[in-house]
Amino acid sequence: MKKLISIFLGLFLLLGFTSVVQAYTPPSTNDINRTNGWAHVNETSVDVGEVTLDFVQPRNFYACFEYRTDGDTSQVINEEHWLESYGVVDESEGLQQYPYDCLSTISTLVKTIPANEYVEVRMIFGAEGDERFDWTRFDVLLFDRIAEITSPSDGEVVSGPVSFDATLNDKDSNDDVQWAVRKGICAAGVGTVFGNVDGYNDSFDWDGTNFHASTDVSTWEDGDYCFIFNPKESAGDAPIRETREFVVSNPPSDKDECKKGGWMTFNNPTFKNQGDCVSYLQSNEKAGKR
């Protein structure tokens, strides 16, 4: 008799234990609910960093929609949310409760939810048992990082003091920046004459949004140059590398540069002939300071 009781008790505990640890799987999906005319959620619009959802209850009883962003489990508002009254039997883990909204009558609720990547919605309590569904994902648009070089202008002919300016529109505004001016080429690691890469450590201002550096190009060799603005990206950001080509053309600093057709090589300013070039040097006291 004792043996039979032990066997019976063992089976009871085994079966009981099995029912407790069995994980709860919601029977429906958001799409099935929409097709069946049950409680569901629709995406009405999506924008950078946010999505607008329309929670729909087409019948006259409670439907509660939980939501969270970017899979962040720290957004739980109730660690001990046992849902026994709603048919959830997994008391070994329970179901943590997230922020939610409930609709009790035939109605809708429009809600805009901010997120970095996506919003998830589920419905597992306050609804008919056959229409509960698990986390359903709605992606937001990722932040569109935009950079622009504002100085020098494209193809600008420069001489003397020159400003190099750029802007970055970014959600965090704390990225570092790499930048360079290179002679004759925009490719990385070649021909650098100014910047904070390739062994250069020139002074610049940068607050995460606005960039500024300046130098006097009077001693630079005339020719084509390229300004490269390369703000570093945070995790998940799209990389940015803006380039701007311009021309350095310094005026003559000595009358010998005007001779033997040399006057024809200048375009900042241009000259009509050799005499015009020499006259420029004689009349412009600053011309000789390169």
Protein backbone atom coordinates (compact mmCIF):
# COMPACT_ATOMS: atom_id res chain seq x y z
CA MET A 1 0.00 0.00 0.00
CA LYS A 2 2.79 2.40 0.93
CA LYS A 3 4.46 1.54 -2.35
CA LEU A 4 1.33 2.40 -4.33
CA ILE A 5 0.97 5.68 -2.46
CA SER A 6 4.61 6.56 -3.21
CA ILE A 7 4.11 5.80 -6.90
CA PHE A 8 0.91 7.83 -7.04
CA LEU A 9 2.55 10.76 -5.21
CA GLY A 10 5.54 10.64 -7.54
CA LEU A 11 3.32 10.74 -10.64
CA PHE A 12 1.30 13.59 -9.13
CA LEU A 13 4.41 15.64 -8.40
CA LEU A 14 5.85 14.88 -11.81
CA LEU A 15 2.70 15.90 -13.64
CA GLY A 16 2.27 18.93 -11.43
CA PHE A 17 5.84 20.02 -11.93
CA THR A 18 5.51 19.59 -15.70
CA SER A 19 2.45 21.84 -15.81
CA VAL A 20 4.20 24.54 -13.80
CA VAL A 21 7.35 24.81 -15.91
CA GLN A 22 5.53 24.67 -19.21
CA ALA A 23 6.17 27.99 -20.93
CA TYR A 24 3.18 30.01 -22.06
CA THR A 25 2.86 30.48 -25.82
CA PRO A 26 0.20 32.94 -26.97
CA PRO A 27 -2.10 31.20 -29.47
CA SER A 28 -2.55 34.01 -32.01
CA THR A 29 -0.66 36.71 -33.87
CA ASN A 30 -1.37 40.35 -34.57
CA ASP A 31 -1.99 39.56 -38.25
CA ILE A 32 -4.44 36.77 -37.44
CA ASN A 33 -6.30 39.07 -35.07
CA ARG A 34 -6.58 41.75 -37.74
CA THR A 35 -7.95 39.21 -40.22
CA ASN A 36 -10.44 37.85 -37.68
CA GLY A 37 -11.64 41.26 -36.57
CA TRP A 38 -10.13 40.86 -33.10
CA ALA A 39 -8.05 43.30 -31.05
CA HIS A 40 -4.89 44.25 -32.94
CA VAL A 41 -2.41 47.07 -33.61
CA ASN A 42 -1.69 48.90 -36.88
CA GLU A 43 1.28 51.00 -37.88
CA THR A 44 -0.06 54.35 -39.08
CA SER A 45 3.23 56.18 -39.69
CA VAL A 46 6.95 55.80 -39.14
CA ASP A 47 9.59 58.50 -38.83
CA VAL A 48 13.18 58.93 -37.70
CA GLY A 49 13.32 57.65 -34.12
CA GLU A 50 9.58 57.04 -33.69
CA VAL A 51 6.58 55.05 -34.88
CA THR A 52 2.88 55.86 -34.54
CA LEU A 53 0.63 52.91 -33.73
CA ASP A 54 -3.13 52.55 -33.75
CA PHE A 55 -4.39 50.15 -31.06
CA VAL A 56 -7.75 48.73 -32.11
CA GLN A 57 -10.45 46.97 -30.06
CA PRO A 58 -13.41 46.15 -32.32
CA ARG A 59 -15.41 44.39 -29.56
CA ASN A 60 -16.86 45.22 -26.15
CA PHE A 61 -14.39 43.78 -23.63
CA TYR A 62 -10.94 44.54 -22.28
CA ALA A 63 -7.88 44.23 -24.52
CA CYS A 64 -4.59 45.37 -23.03
CA PHE A 65 -1.57 46.12 -25.20
CA GLU A 66 1.92 46.10 -23.64
CA TYR A 67 4.83 47.80 -25.39
CA ARG A 68 8.59 48.18 -25.06
CA THR A 69 11.37 49.70 -27.16
CA ASP A 70 14.56 48.23 -28.63
CA GLY A 71 14.07 44.96 -26.72
CA ASP A 72 14.92 46.75 -23.46
CA THR A 73 13.80 44.43 -20.64
CA SER A 74 14.58 47.07 -18.01
CA GLN A 75 11.34 48.78 -19.00
CA VAL A 76 9.41 46.23 -16.91
CA ILE A 77 6.95 47.86 -14.49
CA ASN A 78 5.94 44.71 -12.59
CA GLU A 79 8.44 41.92 -11.89
CA GLU A 80 5.83 39.59 -10.33
CA HIS A 81 3.06 39.75 -12.87
CA TRP A 82 1.43 36.31 -12.46
CA LEU A 83 -1.34 36.01 -14.99
CA GLU A 84 -3.10 32.94 -13.61
CA SER A 85 -6.53 34.51 -14.06
CA TYR A 86 -5.76 34.86 -17.75
CA GLY A 87 -4.74 31.23 -18.21
CA VAL A 88 -1.01 31.65 -17.81
CA VAL A 89 0.32 28.73 -15.76
CA ASP A 90 4.07 29.30 -15.96
CA GLU A 91 4.66 30.31 -12.33
CA SER A 92 8.29 29.17 -12.51
CA GLU A 93 9.07 32.35 -14.43
CA GLY A 94 5.88 34.33 -14.60
CA LEU A 95 5.32 37.07 -17.15
CA GLN A 96 6.81 40.44 -16.41
CA GLN A 97 4.53 43.34 -17.13
CA TYR A 98 5.54 46.23 -19.37
CA PRO A 99 3.86 49.63 -19.87
CA TYR A 100 0.41 49.10 -21.33
CA ASP A 101 -2.85 50.63 -22.45
CA CYS A 102 -6.25 48.93 -22.18
CA LEU A 103 -9.29 49.44 -24.36
CA SER A 104 -12.60 48.30 -22.86
CA THR A 105 -15.09 49.15 -25.58
CA ILE A 106 -15.21 49.35 -29.35
CA SER A 107 -12.50 51.99 -29.74
CA THR A 108 -9.02 52.88 -30.98
CA LEU A 109 -6.01 54.56 -29.41
CA VAL A 110 -3.31 56.31 -31.46
CA LYS A 111 0.09 56.47 -29.76
CA THR A 112 3.48 57.74 -30.98
CA ILE A 113 6.35 55.85 -29.34
CA PRO A 114 10.01 56.97 -29.63
CA ALA A 115 12.75 54.37 -30.10
CA ASN A 116 16.26 54.03 -31.42
CA GLU A 117 15.51 51.02 -33.65
CA TYR A 118 12.11 49.40 -33.04
CA VAL A 119 8.97 49.13 -30.90
CA GLU A 120 7.38 45.84 -29.82
CA VAL A 121 3.76 45.27 -28.83
CA ARG A 122 2.09 42.20 -27.31
CA MET A 123 -1.34 41.35 -25.91
CA ILE A 124 -1.44 38.58 -23.30
CA PHE A 125 -3.82 39.85 -20.66
CA GLY A 126 -7.22 41.51 -20.59
CA ALA A 127 -8.24 39.76 -23.79
CA GLU A 128 -9.99 36.60 -24.93
CA GLY A 129 -7.66 33.62 -24.58
CA ASP A 130 -7.65 32.72 -28.28
CA GLU A 131 -6.57 36.19 -29.45
CA ARG A 132 -3.50 36.80 -27.30
CA PHE A 133 -0.32 37.38 -29.26
CA ASP A 134 3.38 37.71 -28.44
CA TRP A 135 5.81 40.55 -29.19
CA THR A 136 5.22 42.07 -32.62
CA ARG A 137 7.94 44.34 -33.97
CA PHE A 138 7.54 47.73 -35.66
CA ASP A 139 10.77 49.30 -36.96
CA VAL A 140 11.45 53.03 -36.82
CA LEU A 141 13.57 54.94 -39.30
CA LEU A 142 17.18 55.17 -38.17
CA PHE A 143 18.55 58.64 -37.55
CA ASP A 144 19.78 60.17 -40.79
CA ARG A 145 23.23 61.56 -40.03
CA ILE A 146 23.88 64.49 -42.32
CA ALA A 147 27.20 66.28 -42.78
CA GLU A 148 28.04 69.25 -44.96
CA ILE A 149 31.24 71.08 -45.81
CA THR A 150 30.45 74.79 -45.86
CA SER A 151 33.91 76.23 -46.62
CA PRO A 152 35.69 76.43 -48.97
CA SER A 153 33.08 76.19 -51.71
CA ASP A 154 33.36 73.58 -54.43
CA GLY A 155 36.17 74.50 -56.84
CA GLU A 156 36.90 77.78 -55.06
CA VAL A 157 40.22 79.46 -55.84
CA VAL A 158 41.85 80.52 -52.58
CA SER A 159 44.97 82.22 -51.32
CA GLY A 160 46.24 83.58 -48.02
CA PRO A 161 44.16 82.76 -44.91
CA VAL A 162 41.57 80.05 -45.62
CA SER A 163 38.80 78.68 -43.37
CA PHE A 164 37.76 75.03 -43.41
CA ASP A 165 34.25 74.62 -41.99
CA ALA A 166 31.72 71.78 -41.77
CA THR A 167 28.61 70.76 -39.84
CA LEU A 168 27.20 67.45 -38.61
CA ASN A 169 23.59 66.71 -37.72
CA ASP A 170 23.67 63.68 -35.40
CA LYS A 171 21.42 62.38 -32.63
CA ASP A 172 24.17 62.16 -29.99
CA SER A 173 26.54 65.03 -30.97
CA ASN A 174 29.47 63.45 -29.16
CA ASP A 175 31.39 61.85 -32.01
CA ASP A 176 35.08 62.51 -32.53
CA VAL A 177 36.26 63.71 -35.92
CA GLN A 178 39.09 63.03 -38.34
CA TRP A 179 39.94 65.60 -40.98
CA ALA A 180 42.64 66.47 -43.47
CA VAL A 181 43.60 68.66 -46.39
CA ARG A 182 45.49 66.78 -49.10
CA LYS A 183 47.24 68.00 -52.24
CA GLY A 184 45.91 66.68 -55.51
CA ILE A 185 43.90 63.80 -54.07
CA CYS A 186 41.04 62.93 -51.69
CA ALA A 187 42.19 59.35 -51.01
CA ALA A 188 43.15 58.39 -47.46
CA GLY A 189 46.73 58.57 -46.26
CA VAL A 190 48.20 60.34 -49.30
CA GLY A 191 49.43 63.90 -49.77
CA THR A 192 48.27 65.30 -46.41
CA VAL A 193 49.42 68.88 -45.73
CA PHE A 194 47.04 69.85 -42.91
CA GLY A 195 44.78 67.99 -40.44
CA ASN A 196 44.74 65.64 -37.46
CA VAL A 197 45.71 62.39 -39.22
CA ASP A 198 48.81 60.96 -40.91
CA GLY A 199 51.06 62.43 -38.21
CA TYR A 200 49.52 65.92 -38.30
CA ASN A 201 48.09 67.53 -35.18
CA ASP A 202 46.85 70.91 -36.34
CA SER A 203 44.53 73.01 -34.21
CA PHE A 204 40.77 72.92 -34.84
CA ASP A 205 37.46 73.59 -33.10
CA TRP A 206 34.82 70.87 -32.82
CA ASP A 207 31.73 70.66 -30.58
CA GLY A 208 30.15 67.58 -32.17
CA THR A 209 28.10 69.72 -34.54
CA ASN A 210 30.31 72.51 -35.91
CA PHE A 211 33.85 72.11 -37.22
CA HIS A 212 36.34 74.90 -37.93
CA ALA A 213 40.02 75.05 -38.80
CA SER A 214 42.04 77.71 -40.58
CA THR A 215 45.49 78.28 -41.98
CA ASP A 216 47.43 80.57 -44.28
CA VAL A 217 48.05 78.82 -47.60
CA SER A 218 50.45 81.49 -48.89
CA THR A 219 53.36 79.07 -48.60
CA TRP A 220 51.51 76.14 -50.17
CA GLU A 221 52.35 75.04 -53.69
CA ASP A 222 49.72 76.17 -56.17
CA GLY A 223 47.39 73.47 -57.43
CA ASP A 224 44.38 71.30 -56.61
CA TYR A 225 43.60 70.32 -53.01
CA CYS A 226 40.95 68.34 -51.17
CA PHE A 227 39.40 68.95 -47.73
CA ILE A 228 38.18 65.72 -46.07
CA PHE A 229 35.68 65.81 -43.17
CA ASN A 230 35.21 62.42 -41.52
CA PRO A 231 33.24 62.39 -38.22
CA LYS A 232 33.56 59.05 -36.44
CA GLU A 233 30.34 57.11 -36.04
CA SER A 234 28.78 55.58 -32.93
CA ALA A 235 27.54 51.99 -32.96
CA GLY A 236 24.77 51.65 -35.52
CA ASP A 237 25.51 54.97 -37.27
CA ALA A 238 26.11 55.18 -40.99
CA PRO A 239 29.69 56.27 -41.78
CA ILE A 240 30.23 59.74 -43.24
CA ARG A 241 33.16 61.01 -45.29
CA GLU A 242 32.63 64.36 -46.99
CA THR A 243 35.16 65.80 -49.44
CA ARG A 244 35.54 69.23 -51.02
CA GLU A 245 37.98 70.03 -53.84
CA PHE A 246 39.40 73.53 -54.19
CA VAL A 247 42.33 75.32 -55.78
CA VAL A 248 45.22 77.16 -54.18
CA SER A 249 46.50 79.95 -56.41
CA ASN A 250 48.71 82.49 -54.68
CA PRO A 251 49.58 85.82 -56.37
CA PRO A 252 53.19 86.50 -57.45
CA SER A 253 55.62 87.55 -54.76
CA ASP A 254 58.53 88.58 -56.99
CA LYS A 255 58.72 90.32 -60.37
CA ASP A 256 60.84 87.46 -61.73
CA GLU A 257 57.71 85.28 -61.46
CA CYS A 258 56.12 87.59 -64.05
CA LYS A 259 58.85 87.03 -66.65
CA LYS A 260 59.09 84.44 -69.44
CA GLY A 261 55.32 84.03 -69.60
CA GLY A 262 55.03 83.49 -65.88
CA TRP A 263 52.34 86.17 -65.68
CA MET A 264 50.00 83.83 -67.62
CA THR A 265 50.09 81.17 -64.87
CA PHE A 266 48.35 83.30 -62.25
CA ASN A 267 44.57 83.39 -61.83
CA ASN A 268 44.28 85.00 -58.41
CA PRO A 269 44.51 87.66 -59.77
CA THR A 270 44.89 87.29 -63.53
CA PHE A 271 47.09 89.62 -65.60
CA LYS A 272 46.84 91.03 -69.11
CA ASN A 273 50.60 90.92 -69.72
CA GLN A 274 53.99 90.93 -68.02
CA GLY A 275 53.83 94.64 -67.30
CA ASP A 276 50.46 94.28 -65.60
CA CYS A 277 51.98 91.60 -63.37
CA VAL A 278 54.94 93.77 -62.43
CA SER A 279 52.68 96.77 -61.77
CA TYR A 280 50.62 94.60 -59.39
CA LEU A 281 53.74 93.82 -57.34
CA GLN A 282 54.83 97.44 -57.25
CA SER A 283 51.41 98.73 -56.17
CA ASN A 284 50.49 96.06 -53.66
CA GLU A 285 52.71 96.18 -50.64
CA LYS A 286 51.21 92.99 -49.24
CA ALA A 287 51.86 90.97 -52.37
CA GLY A 288 55.38 90.07 -51.33
CA LYS A 289 54.27 88.56 -48.01
CA ARG A 290 53.79 84.89 -48.69
